[in-house]
Amino acid sequence: MKHFNSPWTRLVAAARLAPADKRAACAPAGFATRVSALAAGANEPTFAALFARCSLRALGVCGLVMVLGVTLNLGSVLNAFEAPAVDAITLNDPVSEWLDASAS
């Protein structure tokens, strides 16, 4: 059976024999000044940039809401078109309703 720890032990032994890093661990001269100048020079995004960034997302959300609304209401819309046509005059004639009620 192959010993899987041997590559790891060889790497660890090689790392222990490597010379120590003698480079400076601090940032180069003027680094903080450059970073603060870049931060101060950064402009806030304009309304047009924010609108452009969010417009396609909003369009997608509106499209999903539209498809969901049409899907949920499709049955009632189809039933409204298939319902028999009723004469509008008989629906809004209170006199005929009163006469029909009094005759019976």
C-alpha atoms as a PDB file:
ATOM      1  CA  MET A   1       0.000   0.000   0.000  1.00  0.00           C
ATOM      2  CA  LYS A   2       1.245   3.470  -0.852  1.00  0.00           C
ATOM      3  CA  HIS A   3       2.188   5.847   1.943  1.00  0.00           C
ATOM      4  CA  PHE A   4       0.303   9.105   1.282  1.00  0.00           C
ATOM      5  CA  ASN A   5       2.027  11.203   3.958  1.00  0.00           C
ATOM      6  CA  SER A   6       5.448  10.994   2.312  1.00  0.00           C
ATOM      7  CA  PRO A   7       4.879  13.922  -0.103  1.00  0.00           C
ATOM      8  CA  TRP A   8       3.642  16.017   2.786  1.00  0.00           C
ATOM      9  CA  THR A   9       6.589  15.187   5.013  1.00  0.00           C
ATOM     10  CA  ARG A  10       9.024  15.968   2.168  1.00  0.00           C
ATOM     11  CA  LEU A  11       7.393  19.394   1.644  1.00  0.00           C
ATOM     12  CA  VAL A  12       7.491  20.186   5.357  1.00  0.00           C
ATOM     13  CA  ALA A  13      11.160  19.194   5.561  1.00  0.00           C
ATOM     14  CA  ALA A  14      11.997  21.369   2.538  1.00  0.00           C
ATOM     15  CA  ALA A  15      10.141  24.317   4.077  1.00  0.00           C
ATOM     16  CA  ARG A  16      12.100  23.958   7.313  1.00  0.00           C
ATOM     17  CA  LEU A  17      15.403  24.068   5.395  1.00  0.00           C
ATOM     18  CA  ALA A  18      14.445  27.171   3.363  1.00  0.00           C
ATOM     19  CA  PRO A  19      16.101  30.426   4.446  1.00  0.00           C
ATOM     20  CA  ALA A  20      14.004  32.912   6.403  1.00  0.00           C
ATOM     21  CA  ASP A  21      12.385  35.781   4.504  1.00  0.00           C
ATOM     22  CA  LYS A  22      14.343  38.928   5.252  1.00  0.00           C
ATOM     23  CA  ARG A  23      12.124  41.362   3.341  1.00  0.00           C
ATOM     24  CA  ALA A  24      10.333  44.129   5.197  1.00  0.00           C
ATOM     25  CA  ALA A  25       6.826  43.274   6.282  1.00  0.00           C
ATOM     26  CA  CYS A  26       5.554  46.865   6.144  1.00  0.00           C
ATOM     27  CA  ALA A  27       3.957  48.773   3.274  1.00  0.00           C
ATOM     28  CA  PRO A  28       6.165  50.786   0.896  1.00  0.00           C
ATOM     29  CA  ALA A  29       6.790  54.486   1.478  1.00  0.00           C
ATOM     30  CA  GLY A  30       3.843  56.682   0.493  1.00  0.00           C
ATOM     31  CA  PHE A  31       1.372  53.816   0.287  1.00  0.00           C
ATOM     32  CA  ALA A  32      -1.027  55.293   2.847  1.00  0.00           C
ATOM     33  CA  THR A  33      -0.940  58.663   1.054  1.00  0.00           C
ATOM     34  CA  ARG A  34      -1.799  57.067  -2.284  1.00  0.00           C
ATOM     35  CA  VAL A  35      -4.646  55.037  -0.797  1.00  0.00           C
ATOM     36  CA  SER A  36      -6.161  58.041   0.964  1.00  0.00           C
ATOM     37  CA  ALA A  37      -5.859  60.152  -2.220  1.00  0.00           C
ATOM     38  CA  LEU A  38      -7.685  57.489  -4.226  1.00  0.00           C
ATOM     39  CA  ALA A  39     -10.402  57.266  -1.586  1.00  0.00           C
ATOM     40  CA  ALA A  40     -10.846  61.053  -1.485  1.00  0.00           C
ATOM     41  CA  GLY A  41     -10.984  61.282  -5.272  1.00  0.00           C
ATOM     42  CA  ALA A  42     -13.660  58.630  -5.645  1.00  0.00           C
ATOM     43  CA  ASN A  43     -16.982  60.131  -6.672  1.00  0.00           C
ATOM     44  CA  GLU A  44     -20.328  58.911  -5.478  1.00  0.00           C
ATOM     45  CA  PRO A  45     -22.295  57.145  -8.180  1.00  0.00           C
ATOM     46  CA  THR A  46     -24.797  59.353  -9.975  1.00  0.00           C
ATOM     47  CA  PHE A  47     -28.509  58.666 -10.155  1.00  0.00           C
ATOM     48  CA  ALA A  48     -28.171  57.641 -13.783  1.00  0.00           C
ATOM     49  CA  ALA A  49     -25.503  55.063 -12.907  1.00  0.00           C
ATOM     50  CA  LEU A  50     -27.615  53.635 -10.094  1.00  0.00           C
ATOM     51  CA  PHE A  51     -30.672  53.570 -12.364  1.00  0.00           C
ATOM     52  CA  ALA A  52     -28.752  51.770 -15.103  1.00  0.00           C
ATOM     53  CA  ARG A  53     -27.433  49.228 -12.609  1.00  0.00           C
ATOM     54  CA  CYS A  54     -30.846  48.396 -11.169  1.00  0.00           C
ATOM     55  CA  SER A  55     -33.072  48.810 -14.235  1.00  0.00           C
ATOM     56  CA  LEU A  56     -32.489  45.383 -15.750  1.00  0.00           C
ATOM     57  CA  ARG A  57     -33.050  43.684 -12.410  1.00  0.00           C
ATOM     58  CA  ALA A  58     -36.276  45.624 -11.931  1.00  0.00           C
ATOM     59  CA  LEU A  59     -37.376  44.729 -15.458  1.00  0.00           C
ATOM     60  CA  GLY A  60     -36.807  41.054 -14.720  1.00  0.00           C
ATOM     61  CA  VAL A  61     -38.748  41.222 -11.453  1.00  0.00           C
ATOM     62  CA  CYS A  62     -41.637  43.052 -13.149  1.00  0.00           C
ATOM     63  CA  GLY A  63     -41.690  40.461 -15.904  1.00  0.00           C
ATOM     64  CA  LEU A  64     -41.892  37.637 -13.375  1.00  0.00           C
ATOM     65  CA  VAL A  65     -44.708  39.388 -11.501  1.00  0.00           C
ATOM     66  CA  MET A  66     -46.573  39.909 -14.789  1.00  0.00           C
ATOM     67  CA  VAL A  67     -46.245  36.259 -15.803  1.00  0.00           C
ATOM     68  CA  LEU A  68     -47.339  35.151 -12.327  1.00  0.00           C
ATOM     69  CA  GLY A  69     -50.379  37.478 -12.424  1.00  0.00           C
ATOM     70  CA  VAL A  70     -51.443  36.285 -15.855  1.00  0.00           C
ATOM     71  CA  THR A  71     -50.980  32.659 -14.819  1.00  0.00           C
ATOM     72  CA  LEU A  72     -53.048  33.011 -11.661  1.00  0.00           C
ATOM     73  CA  ASN A  73     -55.877  34.956 -13.351  1.00  0.00           C
ATOM     74  CA  LEU A  74     -56.036  33.126 -16.667  1.00  0.00           C
ATOM     75  CA  GLY A  75     -58.996  30.980 -15.644  1.00  0.00           C
ATOM     76  CA  SER A  76     -61.146  33.911 -14.578  1.00  0.00           C
ATOM     77  CA  VAL A  77     -60.279  35.851 -17.733  1.00  0.00           C
ATOM     78  CA  LEU A  78     -61.244  32.915 -19.957  1.00  0.00           C
ATOM     79  CA  ASN A  79     -64.498  32.445 -18.019  1.00  0.00           C
ATOM     80  CA  ALA A  80     -65.364  36.114 -18.452  1.00  0.00           C
ATOM     81  CA  PHE A  81     -65.056  35.830 -22.235  1.00  0.00           C
ATOM     82  CA  GLU A  82     -67.045  32.574 -22.356  1.00  0.00           C
ATOM     83  CA  ALA A  83     -69.950  33.817 -20.201  1.00  0.00           C
ATOM     84  CA  PRO A  84     -73.229  34.316 -22.093  1.00  0.00           C
ATOM     85  CA  ALA A  85     -73.936  37.894 -23.092  1.00  0.00           C
ATOM     86  CA  VAL A  86     -76.690  39.486 -20.988  1.00  0.00           C
ATOM     87  CA  ASP A  87     -78.759  42.427 -22.178  1.00  0.00           C
ATOM     88  CA  ALA A  88     -77.529  45.513 -20.361  1.00  0.00           C
ATOM     89  CA  ILE A  89     -80.955  47.144 -20.370  1.00  0.00           C
ATOM     90  CA  THR A  90     -82.590  44.388 -18.337  1.00  0.00           C
ATOM     91  CA  LEU A  91     -79.812  44.495 -15.772  1.00  0.00           C
ATOM     92  CA  ASN A  92     -80.227  48.200 -15.090  1.00  0.00           C
ATOM     93  CA  ASP A  93     -84.045  48.526 -15.286  1.00  0.00           C
ATOM     94  CA  PRO A  94     -85.403  48.827 -11.737  1.00  0.00           C
ATOM     95  CA  VAL A  95     -88.982  49.343 -12.983  1.00  0.00           C
ATOM     96  CA  SER A  96     -89.118  45.960 -14.699  1.00  0.00           C
ATOM     97  CA  GLU A  97     -87.700  44.305 -11.595  1.00  0.00           C
ATOM     98  CA  TRP A  98     -90.339  45.992  -9.447  1.00  0.00           C
ATOM     99  CA  LEU A  99     -93.110  44.967 -11.839  1.00  0.00           C
ATOM    100  CA  ASP A 100     -91.827  41.387 -11.949  1.00  0.00           C
ATOM    101  CA  ALA A 101     -91.729  41.256  -8.156  1.00  0.00           C
ATOM    102  CA  SER A 102     -95.256  42.712  -7.802  1.00  0.00           C
ATOM    103  CA  ALA A 103     -96.783  40.372 -10.385  1.00  0.00           C
ATOM    104  CA  SER A 104     -95.769  37.244  -8.582  1.00  0.00           C
END
